[in-house]
Structures are given as C-alpha cells and as structure tokens.
Amino acid sequence: MVKILADALVPIFAGLLLGYIAGLRGVLDNQNVRNLIVFVMSFAVPCSMFLSIAQTPRATLGEQTGAALVLAIVYFVLFAVTFVWARSSEKLPASDSSVLALTISFPNSAAVGLPLLAAVYGAKSLDTVATSIALGSVTVSAITLAILEAGRDKSGKGFSSRQIALSLLRSVKKPIVWAPLVGLAFSCAGLHLPSYMDASLAVLGSAASGSALVLTGLVVSSQKFEFGRNTLFTVFLKNALQPGLALGIAMLLHLSLSQTRYVTLISAIPCGFFGLVFGKGFDSSPKLASSGLIASYVIGVATLALWIVILNHIG
C-alpha cells in the first residue's frame, strides 16, 4: 500500500514543489505565465487527451456508459454545491467561484489517476480513467470556461443566461474541450491516424503531466497558503464527500463491482489543476482554491489509503 501511494503521489508532489520553489525563488516568473498556460492547455494536454481516447476501441468505450453516468453526476453535483457555497457563504465573485468549483469537482485523473489505478487495479481500469478525464473536460471544465468568458464581458450583462450560453459555445473552441470530442469521434468511427502523426502527438502529449504540475505549482507560489476552516471544508468536499457520493450512486445504479471501485477511487483523487490554470488566464485566482489544492494532496495520502481499504472490503 505504501509503495502504491508513494509511486502515485511522490511524483505529483515533486512536480508541484518544483514549480512552487521556482516561482518563490524567481527562477520562473509566477506572475506572467500566459505562454506556459497556452502550451499546457492548448497543446500538451489536448494532444494527450485526444490520443488516449482516439486509441480506445469503440466497444471498450461503450462499456464505460455506467461509469460515465456516475462520474457525470458526481462532477455536476460537487461543482454546483461548491459554486453555491462559494457564492453564498464565502461571497466570492462568480469567476472565482467557478475556479474553486472546478478545482474541487474535477479530480487530477490525468496525473494521479493513471498510475494509481494501474497500480491498484491493473491496466483494465485505465479505460475508466480516460473516460473520467474526457468527461470532466467537456462538462465542468467547459462550464467554468463559459463563466470565466462571461465574467470578462464589460457590458454589465456578463452573467445573463444568454451570455452564459454564448460563452459556453465559445468555450467549445478551446482545444481542451474539442480535442476529447474529436478523439471520441475517431474512436466511434474506427478511424486511425498515420503512425507518424500518432508519434508526433505523443511527443507533445508526453509533456502534459509534468508541465501541468510545474505550472500549477508556479501559480500557487504567487499566493499565500491559508490553512483554516474553509480550507478544511474544501478538503472534506473533495476527499470525503465526492468519493462517498460516487460509491453511493454506483451502488444505487448497480454498477459492477470493478466499475464501482474505479469510479470511487477516481473521485477520491485530490484536486485537479484545470481550475487554477484556467483562472490564471482570466485573472481569477482565489486563494481558497490554491490552499484547498495543496491541502487535498497532503491529507490525500491518508484518505486515498483509507478509500482503497474500504473498496477492497466491499462486494
């Protein structure tokens, strides 16, 4: 158990810490990170997501319907709960609330999910991990981008239902949103790229996890870490409530035991980096999001181990 968690989490902490220290010491500029954001979110991550989905057989994707339904419900519920809490209790603006909501609702499946589930459940679980990444990118990520785009509107009508809808349509133009959709189309149609194109995309995609972690640490380094009641509540939402909700819904929908374990452990993964990276591009970087992200990883060492034990005893 210790080796599994160490293999999955130590590289994550190493990437985050590298970006954090580089930002604090001025090795990298933690205020002007636009170019790095564009590389990560418009090139590296979309290439990685497209390949992982496009290379998944159509029949295999069809088997993920139940898991996708559970994950979609969990993502939307946590996003809505966090957004409403941030707006009503914390009095954050809509843009900051959406960044916090995405940080909590969309786990870091790309960087943690792949090595963790492969180590715990084997290669057969990786299709569910790929599904979780694609699903979060085209749902809560797209909604967050729409809210951030609408918040940039200076007309005073940025958060009208019409403007949100228009912003949602604009968000589809982002590579992080359309790349998994194109990958899904390739998989369903049984299409294949020439090997040299696959290899070219793989080169860019291989930089996704490392560069995203360094970027997240860099963004966090520009803010002060605050560990208080609100930070603990974000950790409760991410590390306890989300996997508990996933487990309950999976059992209610009579998902297979293996799929139930997959979606629950994916939901137990600490906070993802999309929220902070998106927010930085729109000058929306709530301290609570960065503090919650760090705390969810520190406490996640214990909570992930606990959820693995719980899941190994169900059935």
C-alpha atoms as a PDB file:
ATOM      1  CA  MET A   1       0.000   0.000   0.000  1.00  0.00           C
ATOM      2  CA  VAL A   2       2.756   2.440   0.959  1.00  0.00           C
ATOM      3  CA  LYS A   3       4.647   1.735  -2.277  1.00  0.00           C
ATOM      4  CA  ILE A   4       1.495   2.185  -4.398  1.00  0.00           C
ATOM      5  CA  LEU A   5       0.724   5.566  -2.847  1.00  0.00           C
ATOM      6  CA  ALA A   6       4.363   6.631  -2.987  1.00  0.00           C
ATOM      7  CA  ASP A   7       4.656   5.711  -6.678  1.00  0.00           C
ATOM      8  CA  ALA A   8       1.477   7.660  -7.479  1.00  0.00           C
ATOM      9  CA  LEU A   9       1.822  10.715  -5.230  1.00  0.00           C
ATOM     10  CA  VAL A  10       5.546  11.439  -4.792  1.00  0.00           C
ATOM     11  CA  PRO A  11       5.998  12.374  -8.492  1.00  0.00           C
ATOM     12  CA  ILE A  12       2.976  14.692  -8.155  1.00  0.00           C
ATOM     13  CA  PHE A  13       4.439  16.434  -5.118  1.00  0.00           C
ATOM     14  CA  ALA A  14       7.809  16.644  -6.891  1.00  0.00           C
ATOM     15  CA  GLY A  15       6.262  18.436  -9.892  1.00  0.00           C
ATOM     16  CA  LEU A  16       4.199  20.784  -7.750  1.00  0.00           C
ATOM     17  CA  LEU A  17       7.157  21.520  -5.461  1.00  0.00           C
ATOM     18  CA  LEU A  18       9.456  22.209  -8.397  1.00  0.00           C
ATOM     19  CA  GLY A  19       7.053  24.813  -9.803  1.00  0.00           C
ATOM     20  CA  TYR A  20       6.395  26.256  -6.351  1.00  0.00           C
ATOM     21  CA  ILE A  21      10.079  26.694  -5.455  1.00  0.00           C
ATOM     22  CA  ALA A  22      10.912  28.008  -8.929  1.00  0.00           C
ATOM     23  CA  GLY A  23       8.213  30.647  -8.514  1.00  0.00           C
ATOM     24  CA  LEU A  24       9.255  31.644  -4.992  1.00  0.00           C
ATOM     25  CA  ARG A  25      12.936  31.951  -5.917  1.00  0.00           C
ATOM     26  CA  GLY A  26      12.265  33.827  -9.132  1.00  0.00           C
ATOM     27  CA  VAL A  27      13.703  31.113 -11.372  1.00  0.00           C
ATOM     28  CA  LEU A  28      10.396  31.259 -13.228  1.00  0.00           C
ATOM     29  CA  ASP A  29       8.104  34.294 -13.329  1.00  0.00           C
ATOM     30  CA  ASN A  30       4.965  33.352 -11.384  1.00  0.00           C
ATOM     31  CA  GLN A  31       3.115  36.470 -12.490  1.00  0.00           C
ATOM     32  CA  ASN A  32       3.454  36.210 -16.274  1.00  0.00           C
ATOM     33  CA  VAL A  33       2.634  32.594 -17.103  1.00  0.00           C
ATOM     34  CA  ARG A  34       0.398  33.090 -20.129  1.00  0.00           C
ATOM     35  CA  ASN A  35       2.760  31.402 -22.591  1.00  0.00           C
ATOM     36  CA  LEU A  36       3.128  28.354 -20.354  1.00  0.00           C
ATOM     37  CA  ILE A  37      -0.651  28.181 -19.911  1.00  0.00           C
ATOM     38  CA  VAL A  38      -1.142  28.244 -23.684  1.00  0.00           C
ATOM     39  CA  PHE A  39       1.388  25.452 -24.179  1.00  0.00           C
ATOM     40  CA  VAL A  40      -0.120  23.227 -21.473  1.00  0.00           C
ATOM     41  CA  MET A  41      -3.821  23.794 -22.121  1.00  0.00           C
ATOM     42  CA  SER A  42      -3.793  24.310 -25.893  1.00  0.00           C
ATOM     43  CA  PHE A  43      -1.135  21.825 -26.981  1.00  0.00           C
ATOM     44  CA  ALA A  44       0.213  19.296 -24.464  1.00  0.00           C
ATOM     45  CA  VAL A  45      -2.937  18.289 -22.580  1.00  0.00           C
ATOM     46  CA  PRO A  46      -5.256  18.270 -25.652  1.00  0.00           C
ATOM     47  CA  CYS A  47      -2.792  16.060 -27.568  1.00  0.00           C
ATOM     48  CA  SER A  48      -2.593  13.643 -24.656  1.00  0.00           C
ATOM     49  CA  MET A  49      -6.376  13.509 -24.267  1.00  0.00           C
ATOM     50  CA  PHE A  50      -7.055  13.077 -27.967  1.00  0.00           C
ATOM     51  CA  LEU A  51      -4.668  10.142 -28.260  1.00  0.00           C
ATOM     52  CA  SER A  52      -5.875   8.352 -25.132  1.00  0.00           C
ATOM     53  CA  ILE A  53      -9.497   8.473 -26.316  1.00  0.00           C
ATOM     54  CA  ALA A  54      -8.962   8.005 -30.061  1.00  0.00           C
ATOM     55  CA  GLN A  55      -6.903   4.868 -29.438  1.00  0.00           C
ATOM     56  CA  THR A  56      -9.566   3.318 -27.205  1.00  0.00           C
ATOM     57  CA  PRO A  57     -11.708   0.767 -29.095  1.00  0.00           C
ATOM     58  CA  ARG A  58     -15.352   1.722 -29.609  1.00  0.00           C
ATOM     59  CA  ALA A  59     -16.575  -1.406 -27.803  1.00  0.00           C
ATOM     60  CA  THR A  60     -14.472  -0.514 -24.787  1.00  0.00           C
ATOM     61  CA  LEU A  61     -15.896   2.994 -24.671  1.00  0.00           C
ATOM     62  CA  GLY A  62     -19.395   1.531 -24.834  1.00  0.00           C
ATOM     63  CA  GLU A  63     -18.656  -0.450 -21.689  1.00  0.00           C
ATOM     64  CA  GLN A  64     -17.954   2.810 -19.854  1.00  0.00           C
ATOM     65  CA  THR A  65     -21.534   4.142 -20.091  1.00  0.00           C
ATOM     66  CA  GLY A  66     -22.440   3.337 -16.498  1.00  0.00           C
ATOM     67  CA  ALA A  67     -19.177   4.692 -15.110  1.00  0.00           C
ATOM     68  CA  ALA A  68     -19.535   7.843 -17.225  1.00  0.00           C
ATOM     69  CA  LEU A  69     -23.043   8.436 -15.862  1.00  0.00           C
ATOM     70  CA  VAL A  70     -21.885   8.135 -12.251  1.00  0.00           C
ATOM     71  CA  LEU A  71     -18.890  10.412 -12.819  1.00  0.00           C
ATOM     72  CA  ALA A  72     -21.018  12.992 -14.638  1.00  0.00           C
ATOM     73  CA  ILE A  73     -23.475  13.144 -11.727  1.00  0.00           C
ATOM     74  CA  VAL A  74     -20.643  13.399  -9.199  1.00  0.00           C
ATOM     75  CA  TYR A  75     -18.868  16.139 -11.150  1.00  0.00           C
ATOM     76  CA  PHE A  76     -22.001  18.214 -11.605  1.00  0.00           C
ATOM     77  CA  VAL A  77     -23.191  17.820  -8.005  1.00  0.00           C
ATOM     78  CA  LEU A  78     -19.823  18.795  -6.495  1.00  0.00           C
ATOM     79  CA  PHE A  79     -19.455  21.678  -8.935  1.00  0.00           C
ATOM     80  CA  ALA A  80     -22.910  23.027  -8.082  1.00  0.00           C
ATOM     81  CA  VAL A  81     -22.510  22.566  -4.312  1.00  0.00           C
ATOM     82  CA  THR A  82     -19.114  24.261  -4.275  1.00  0.00           C
ATOM     83  CA  PHE A  83     -20.211  27.095  -6.548  1.00  0.00           C
ATOM     84  CA  VAL A  84     -23.291  27.887  -4.443  1.00  0.00           C
ATOM     85  CA  TRP A  85     -21.286  27.653  -1.203  1.00  0.00           C
ATOM     86  CA  ALA A  86     -18.559  29.948  -2.542  1.00  0.00           C
ATOM     87  CA  ARG A  87     -21.109  32.494  -3.729  1.00  0.00           C
ATOM     88  CA  SER A  88     -23.407  32.479  -0.705  1.00  0.00           C
ATOM     89  CA  SER A  89     -21.058  31.769   2.203  1.00  0.00           C
ATOM     90  CA  GLU A  90     -17.677  32.982   1.005  1.00  0.00           C
ATOM     91  CA  LYS A  91     -19.085  35.873  -1.064  1.00  0.00           C
ATOM     92  CA  LEU A  92     -16.717  35.132  -3.937  1.00  0.00           C
ATOM     93  CA  PRO A  93     -17.491  36.534  -7.394  1.00  0.00           C
ATOM     94  CA  ALA A  94     -18.844  34.099  -9.976  1.00  0.00           C
ATOM     95  CA  SER A  95     -15.485  33.763 -11.748  1.00  0.00           C
ATOM     96  CA  ASP A  96     -13.607  32.867  -8.572  1.00  0.00           C
ATOM     97  CA  SER A  97     -16.439  30.563  -7.502  1.00  0.00           C
ATOM     98  CA  SER A  98     -16.244  28.656 -10.783  1.00  0.00           C
ATOM     99  CA  VAL A  99     -12.463  28.232 -10.433  1.00  0.00           C
ATOM    100  CA  LEU A 100     -12.902  26.853  -6.917  1.00  0.00           C
ATOM    101  CA  ALA A 101     -15.781  24.618  -8.039  1.00  0.00           C
ATOM    102  CA  LEU A 102     -13.744  23.130 -10.891  1.00  0.00           C
ATOM    103  CA  THR A 103     -10.711  22.622  -8.647  1.00  0.00           C
ATOM    104  CA  ILE A 104     -12.813  20.559  -6.242  1.00  0.00           C
ATOM    105  CA  SER A 105     -15.178  18.771  -8.633  1.00  0.00           C
ATOM    106  CA  PHE A 106     -12.647  17.588 -11.250  1.00  0.00           C
ATOM    107  CA  PRO A 107     -10.009  15.278  -9.712  1.00  0.00           C
ATOM    108  CA  ASN A 108      -6.463  15.130 -11.057  1.00  0.00           C
ATOM    109  CA  SER A 109      -7.151  11.960 -13.040  1.00  0.00           C
ATOM    110  CA  ALA A 110      -4.533  12.713 -15.679  1.00  0.00           C
ATOM    111  CA  ALA A 111      -1.543  12.929 -13.346  1.00  0.00           C
ATOM    112  CA  VAL A 112      -2.647  10.735 -10.412  1.00  0.00           C
ATOM    113  CA  GLY A 113      -5.411   8.500 -11.786  1.00  0.00           C
ATOM    114  CA  LEU A 114      -3.393   6.682 -14.426  1.00  0.00           C
ATOM    115  CA  PRO A 115      -0.521   5.496 -12.196  1.00  0.00           C
ATOM    116  CA  LEU A 116      -2.711   4.988  -9.112  1.00  0.00           C
ATOM    117  CA  LEU A 117      -5.453   2.849 -10.656  1.00  0.00           C
ATOM    118  CA  ALA A 118      -2.959   0.917 -12.772  1.00  0.00           C
ATOM    119  CA  ALA A 119      -1.040   0.039  -9.600  1.00  0.00           C
ATOM    120  CA  VAL A 120      -4.157  -0.856  -7.567  1.00  0.00           C
ATOM    121  CA  TYR A 121      -6.436  -2.493 -10.170  1.00  0.00           C
ATOM    122  CA  GLY A 122      -4.285  -3.110 -13.234  1.00  0.00           C
ATOM    123  CA  ALA A 123      -4.375  -1.892 -16.825  1.00  0.00           C
ATOM    124  CA  LYS A 124      -8.075  -2.809 -17.235  1.00  0.00           C
ATOM    125  CA  SER A 125      -9.009   0.230 -15.120  1.00  0.00           C
ATOM    126  CA  LEU A 126      -7.306   2.772 -17.391  1.00  0.00           C
ATOM    127  CA  ASP A 127     -10.249   2.998 -19.811  1.00  0.00           C
ATOM    128  CA  THR A 128     -12.382   4.343 -16.956  1.00  0.00           C
ATOM    129  CA  VAL A 129      -9.641   6.832 -16.089  1.00  0.00           C
ATOM    130  CA  ALA A 130      -9.555   8.041 -19.713  1.00  0.00           C
ATOM    131  CA  THR A 131     -13.351   8.366 -19.636  1.00  0.00           C
ATOM    132  CA  SER A 132     -13.168  10.454 -16.460  1.00  0.00           C
ATOM    133  CA  ILE A 133     -10.624  12.841 -17.989  1.00  0.00           C
ATOM    134  CA  ALA A 134     -12.627  13.337 -21.187  1.00  0.00           C
ATOM    135  CA  LEU A 135     -15.897  13.730 -19.306  1.00  0.00           C
ATOM    136  CA  GLY A 136     -14.566  16.411 -16.976  1.00  0.00           C
ATOM    137  CA  SER A 137     -13.041  18.305 -19.878  1.00  0.00           C
ATOM    138  CA  VAL A 138     -16.274  18.575 -21.872  1.00  0.00           C
ATOM    139  CA  THR A 139     -18.609  19.209 -18.901  1.00  0.00           C
ATOM    140  CA  VAL A 140     -17.487  21.099 -15.780  1.00  0.00           C
ATOM    141  CA  SER A 141     -14.363  22.442 -17.498  1.00  0.00           C
ATOM    142  CA  ALA A 142     -16.443  23.852 -20.353  1.00  0.00           C
ATOM    143  CA  ILE A 143     -18.901  25.385 -17.870  1.00  0.00           C
ATOM    144  CA  THR A 144     -16.040  27.021 -15.976  1.00  0.00           C
ATOM    145  CA  LEU A 145     -14.591  28.462 -19.172  1.00  0.00           C
ATOM    146  CA  ALA A 146     -18.049  29.811 -20.075  1.00  0.00           C
ATOM    147  CA  ILE A 147     -18.396  31.549 -16.684  1.00  0.00           C
ATOM    148  CA  LEU A 148     -14.885  32.991 -16.947  1.00  0.00           C
ATOM    149  CA  GLU A 149     -15.571  34.207 -20.502  1.00  0.00           C
ATOM    150  CA  ALA A 150     -18.858  35.779 -19.374  1.00  0.00           C
ATOM    151  CA  GLY A 151     -17.106  37.453 -16.438  1.00  0.00           C
ATOM    152  CA  ARG A 152     -14.753  39.150 -18.867  1.00  0.00           C
ATOM    153  CA  ASP A 153     -17.736  40.867 -20.537  1.00  0.00           C
ATOM    154  CA  LYS A 154     -17.677  44.559 -19.638  1.00  0.00           C
ATOM    155  CA  SER A 155     -21.241  45.283 -20.771  1.00  0.00           C
ATOM    156  CA  GLY A 156     -22.698  44.598 -17.345  1.00  0.00           C
ATOM    157  CA  LYS A 157     -24.654  41.618 -18.639  1.00  0.00           C
ATOM    158  CA  GLY A 158     -21.852  39.081 -18.323  1.00  0.00           C
ATOM    159  CA  PHE A 159     -23.806  36.598 -16.255  1.00  0.00           C
ATOM    160  CA  SER A 160     -27.160  36.696 -18.016  1.00  0.00           C
ATOM    161  CA  SER A 161     -28.393  33.301 -19.192  1.00  0.00           C
ATOM    162  CA  ARG A 162     -27.947  34.381 -22.815  1.00  0.00           C
ATOM    163  CA  GLN A 163     -24.352  35.474 -22.269  1.00  0.00           C
ATOM    164  CA  ILE A 164     -23.523  32.266 -20.404  1.00  0.00           C
ATOM    165  CA  ALA A 165     -24.931  30.249 -23.317  1.00  0.00           C
ATOM    166  CA  LEU A 166     -22.873  32.239 -25.816  1.00  0.00           C
ATOM    167  CA  SER A 167     -19.781  31.839 -23.655  1.00  0.00           C
ATOM    168  CA  LEU A 168     -20.401  28.100 -23.443  1.00  0.00           C
ATOM    169  CA  LEU A 169     -20.446  27.925 -27.226  1.00  0.00           C
ATOM    170  CA  ARG A 170     -17.199  29.897 -27.360  1.00  0.00           C
ATOM    171  CA  SER A 171     -15.597  27.536 -24.868  1.00  0.00           C
ATOM    172  CA  VAL A 172     -16.099  24.663 -27.320  1.00  0.00           C
ATOM    173  CA  LYS A 173     -13.478  26.358 -29.496  1.00  0.00           C
ATOM    174  CA  LYS A 174     -10.843  25.703 -26.837  1.00  0.00           C
ATOM    175  CA  PRO A 175      -8.590  22.717 -27.686  1.00  0.00           C
ATOM    176  CA  ILE A 176      -9.020  21.390 -24.146  1.00  0.00           C
ATOM    177  CA  VAL A 177     -12.751  20.958 -24.900  1.00  0.00           C
ATOM    178  CA  TRP A 178     -12.863  19.875 -28.546  1.00  0.00           C
ATOM    179  CA  ALA A 179      -9.815  17.571 -28.508  1.00  0.00           C
ATOM    180  CA  PRO A 180     -11.521  14.814 -26.452  1.00  0.00           C
ATOM    181  CA  LEU A 181     -14.665  15.192 -28.580  1.00  0.00           C
ATOM    182  CA  VAL A 182     -12.655  14.680 -31.755  1.00  0.00           C
ATOM    183  CA  GLY A 183     -10.937  11.716 -30.106  1.00  0.00           C
ATOM    184  CA  LEU A 184     -14.357  10.260 -29.285  1.00  0.00           C
ATOM    185  CA  ALA A 185     -15.431  10.705 -32.904  1.00  0.00           C
ATOM    186  CA  PHE A 186     -12.287   8.898 -34.110  1.00  0.00           C
ATOM    187  CA  SER A 187     -12.908   6.027 -31.710  1.00  0.00           C
ATOM    188  CA  CYS A 188     -16.577   5.624 -32.630  1.00  0.00           C
ATOM    189  CA  ALA A 189     -15.816   5.766 -36.366  1.00  0.00           C
ATOM    190  CA  GLY A 190     -12.873   3.383 -36.076  1.00  0.00           C
ATOM    191  CA  LEU A 191     -10.523   5.936 -37.639  1.00  0.00           C
ATOM    192  CA  HIS A 192      -6.762   5.850 -37.206  1.00  0.00           C
ATOM    193  CA  LEU A 193      -4.098   8.458 -37.812  1.00  0.00           C
ATOM    194  CA  PRO A 194      -0.882   7.573 -39.671  1.00  0.00           C
ATOM    195  CA  SER A 195       1.774   6.281 -37.291  1.00  0.00           C
ATOM    196  CA  TYR A 196       3.973   9.345 -37.772  1.00  0.00           C
ATOM    197  CA  MET A 197       1.088  11.618 -36.707  1.00  0.00           C
ATOM    198  CA  ASP A 198       0.384   9.456 -33.671  1.00  0.00           C
ATOM    199  CA  ALA A 199       4.054   9.677 -32.741  1.00  0.00           C
ATOM    200  CA  SER A 200       4.091  13.459 -33.230  1.00  0.00           C
ATOM    201  CA  LEU A 201       1.059  13.962 -30.992  1.00  0.00           C
ATOM    202  CA  ALA A 202       2.523  11.568 -28.438  1.00  0.00           C
ATOM    203  CA  VAL A 203       5.654  13.708 -28.158  1.00  0.00           C
ATOM    204  CA  LEU A 204       3.589  16.754 -27.233  1.00  0.00           C
ATOM    205  CA  GLY A 205       1.223  14.740 -25.079  1.00  0.00           C
ATOM    206  CA  SER A 206       4.083  13.250 -23.073  1.00  0.00           C
ATOM    207  CA  ALA A 207       4.830  16.735 -21.737  1.00  0.00           C
ATOM    208  CA  ALA A 208       1.294  17.211 -20.388  1.00  0.00           C
ATOM    209  CA  SER A 209       1.545  15.871 -16.839  1.00  0.00           C
ATOM    210  CA  GLY A 210       4.946  17.296 -15.952  1.00  0.00           C
ATOM    211  CA  SER A 211       4.381  20.747 -17.414  1.00  0.00           C
ATOM    212  CA  ALA A 212       0.887  20.968 -15.902  1.00  0.00           C
ATOM    213  CA  LEU A 213       2.205  20.141 -12.431  1.00  0.00           C
ATOM    214  CA  VAL A 214       5.038  22.674 -12.687  1.00  0.00           C
ATOM    215  CA  LEU A 215       2.555  25.278 -13.940  1.00  0.00           C
ATOM    216  CA  THR A 216       0.166  24.565 -11.061  1.00  0.00           C
ATOM    217  CA  GLY A 217       2.988  24.905  -8.507  1.00  0.00           C
ATOM    218  CA  LEU A 218       4.060  28.123 -10.197  1.00  0.00           C
ATOM    219  CA  VAL A 219       0.549  29.589  -9.982  1.00  0.00           C
ATOM    220  CA  VAL A 220       0.198  28.533  -6.329  1.00  0.00           C
ATOM    221  CA  SER A 221       3.570  30.129  -5.467  1.00  0.00           C
ATOM    222  CA  SER A 222       2.165  33.568  -6.280  1.00  0.00           C
ATOM    223  CA  GLN A 223      -0.387  33.243  -3.466  1.00  0.00           C
ATOM    224  CA  LYS A 224      -0.243  32.847   0.290  1.00  0.00           C
ATOM    225  CA  PHE A 225      -1.241  29.438   1.630  1.00  0.00           C
ATOM    226  CA  GLU A 226      -4.039  29.681   4.186  1.00  0.00           C
ATOM    227  CA  PHE A 227      -4.954  26.683   6.308  1.00  0.00           C
ATOM    228  CA  GLY A 228      -8.223  27.325   8.101  1.00  0.00           C
ATOM    229  CA  ARG A 229     -11.774  26.098   8.481  1.00  0.00           C
ATOM    230  CA  ASN A 230     -12.689  26.895   4.895  1.00  0.00           C
ATOM    231  CA  THR A 231      -9.646  25.041   3.562  1.00  0.00           C
ATOM    232  CA  LEU A 232     -10.591  22.000   5.618  1.00  0.00           C
ATOM    233  CA  PHE A 233     -14.120  22.188   4.246  1.00  0.00           C
ATOM    234  CA  THR A 234     -12.823  22.113   0.663  1.00  0.00           C
ATOM    235  CA  VAL A 235     -10.788  19.017   1.559  1.00  0.00           C
ATOM    236  CA  PHE A 236     -13.908  17.417   3.051  1.00  0.00           C
ATOM    237  CA  LEU A 237     -15.836  18.101  -0.158  1.00  0.00           C
ATOM    238  CA  LYS A 238     -13.086  16.677  -2.375  1.00  0.00           C
ATOM    239  CA  ASN A 239     -11.515  13.856  -0.376  1.00  0.00           C
ATOM    240  CA  ALA A 240     -14.565  12.569   1.512  1.00  0.00           C
ATOM    241  CA  LEU A 241     -17.886  13.735   0.062  1.00  0.00           C
ATOM    242  CA  GLN A 242     -17.108  13.202  -3.622  1.00  0.00           C
ATOM    243  CA  PRO A 243     -15.912   9.579  -3.349  1.00  0.00           C
ATOM    244  CA  GLY A 244     -18.694   8.809  -0.875  1.00  0.00           C
ATOM    245  CA  LEU A 245     -21.247  10.175  -3.321  1.00  0.00           C
ATOM    246  CA  ALA A 246     -19.681   8.190  -6.181  1.00  0.00           C
ATOM    247  CA  LEU A 247     -19.828   4.977  -4.158  1.00  0.00           C
ATOM    248  CA  GLY A 248     -23.463   5.545  -3.211  1.00  0.00           C
ATOM    249  CA  ILE A 249     -24.615   6.357  -6.758  1.00  0.00           C
ATOM    250  CA  ALA A 250     -22.646   3.436  -8.243  1.00  0.00           C
ATOM    251  CA  MET A 251     -24.312   1.021  -5.816  1.00  0.00           C
ATOM    252  CA  LEU A 252     -27.721   2.572  -6.447  1.00  0.00           C
ATOM    253  CA  LEU A 253     -27.272   2.084 -10.205  1.00  0.00           C
ATOM    254  CA  HIS A 254     -25.994  -1.480  -9.663  1.00  0.00           C
ATOM    255  CA  LEU A 255     -22.670  -0.835 -11.352  1.00  0.00           C
ATOM    256  CA  SER A 256     -20.359  -3.828 -11.475  1.00  0.00           C
ATOM    257  CA  LEU A 257     -18.014  -4.235  -8.529  1.00  0.00           C
ATOM    258  CA  SER A 258     -14.958  -3.362 -10.605  1.00  0.00           C
ATOM    259  CA  GLN A 259     -16.547  -0.237 -12.098  1.00  0.00           C
ATOM    260  CA  THR A 260     -17.793   0.810  -8.654  1.00  0.00           C
ATOM    261  CA  ARG A 261     -14.254   0.603  -7.333  1.00  0.00           C
ATOM    262  CA  TYR A 262     -12.856   2.527 -10.299  1.00  0.00           C
ATOM    263  CA  VAL A 263     -15.261   5.484 -10.156  1.00  0.00           C
ATOM    264  CA  THR A 264     -14.966   5.746  -6.369  1.00  0.00           C
ATOM    265  CA  LEU A 265     -11.183   5.761  -6.321  1.00  0.00           C
ATOM    266  CA  ILE A 266     -11.083   8.251  -9.208  1.00  0.00           C
ATOM    267  CA  SER A 267     -13.403  10.517  -7.212  1.00  0.00           C
ATOM    268  CA  ALA A 268     -11.113  10.187  -4.173  1.00  0.00           C
ATOM    269  CA  ILE A 269      -8.134  11.586  -6.109  1.00  0.00           C
ATOM    270  CA  PRO A 270      -7.100  15.067  -4.863  1.00  0.00           C
ATOM    271  CA  CYS A 271      -7.951  18.322  -6.623  1.00  0.00           C
ATOM    272  CA  GLY A 272      -7.158  18.851 -10.289  1.00  0.00           C
ATOM    273  CA  PHE A 273      -5.133  21.690 -11.778  1.00  0.00           C
ATOM    274  CA  PHE A 274      -7.550  22.820 -14.502  1.00  0.00           C
ATOM    275  CA  GLY A 275      -9.344  25.343 -12.276  1.00  0.00           C
ATOM    276  CA  LEU A 276      -6.253  27.257 -11.193  1.00  0.00           C
ATOM    277  CA  VAL A 277      -4.744  27.212 -14.679  1.00  0.00           C
ATOM    278  CA  PHE A 278      -7.975  28.403 -16.305  1.00  0.00           C
ATOM    279  CA  GLY A 279      -8.389  31.064 -13.637  1.00  0.00           C
ATOM    280  CA  LYS A 280      -4.871  32.410 -14.063  1.00  0.00           C
ATOM    281  CA  GLY A 281      -5.602  33.014 -17.733  1.00  0.00           C
ATOM    282  CA  PHE A 282      -8.603  35.147 -16.745  1.00  0.00           C
ATOM    283  CA  ASP A 283      -7.007  36.900 -13.731  1.00  0.00           C
ATOM    284  CA  SER A 284      -9.129  34.825 -11.364  1.00  0.00           C
ATOM    285  CA  SER A 285      -7.033  33.036  -8.749  1.00  0.00           C
ATOM    286  CA  PRO A 286      -8.893  32.603  -5.441  1.00  0.00           C
ATOM    287  CA  LYS A 287      -6.614  31.785  -2.511  1.00  0.00           C
ATOM    288  CA  LEU A 288      -9.081  29.190  -1.284  1.00  0.00           C
ATOM    289  CA  ALA A 289      -8.642  27.178  -4.494  1.00  0.00           C
ATOM    290  CA  SER A 290      -4.849  27.034  -4.253  1.00  0.00           C
ATOM    291  CA  SER A 291      -4.892  26.372  -0.498  1.00  0.00           C
ATOM    292  CA  GLY A 292      -7.516  23.665  -0.947  1.00  0.00           C
ATOM    293  CA  LEU A 293      -5.498  22.039  -3.726  1.00  0.00           C
ATOM    294  CA  ILE A 294      -2.357  21.800  -1.586  1.00  0.00           C
ATOM    295  CA  ALA A 295      -4.258  20.579   1.481  1.00  0.00           C
ATOM    296  CA  SER A 296      -6.134  17.938  -0.524  1.00  0.00           C
ATOM    297  CA  TYR A 297      -2.808  16.359  -1.579  1.00  0.00           C
ATOM    298  CA  VAL A 298      -1.282  16.444   1.899  1.00  0.00           C
ATOM    299  CA  ILE A 299      -4.375  14.917   3.504  1.00  0.00           C
ATOM    300  CA  GLY A 300      -4.949  12.762   0.412  1.00  0.00           C
ATOM    301  CA  VAL A 301      -2.072  10.471   1.393  1.00  0.00           C
ATOM    302  CA  ALA A 302      -4.247   9.213   4.256  1.00  0.00           C
ATOM    303  CA  THR A 303      -7.662   9.458   2.603  1.00  0.00           C
ATOM    304  CA  LEU A 304      -6.593   7.595  -0.546  1.00  0.00           C
ATOM    305  CA  ALA A 305      -5.227   4.743   1.562  1.00  0.00           C
ATOM    306  CA  LEU A 306      -8.475   4.660   3.547  1.00  0.00           C
ATOM    307  CA  TRP A 307     -10.635   4.551   0.406  1.00  0.00           C
ATOM    308  CA  ILE A 308      -8.540   1.740  -1.085  1.00  0.00           C
ATOM    309  CA  VAL A 309      -9.061  -0.276   2.092  1.00  0.00           C
ATOM    310  CA  ILE A 310     -12.804   0.442   2.073  1.00  0.00           C
ATOM    311  CA  LEU A 311     -13.142  -0.520  -1.592  1.00  0.00           C
ATOM    312  CA  ASN A 312     -11.240  -3.758  -1.084  1.00  0.00           C
ATOM    313  CA  HIS A 313     -13.787  -4.762   1.570  1.00  0.00           C
ATOM    314  CA  ILE A 314     -16.978  -4.098  -0.423  1.00  0.00           C
ATOM    315  CA  GLY A 315     -18.666  -6.681  -2.586  1.00  0.00           C
END
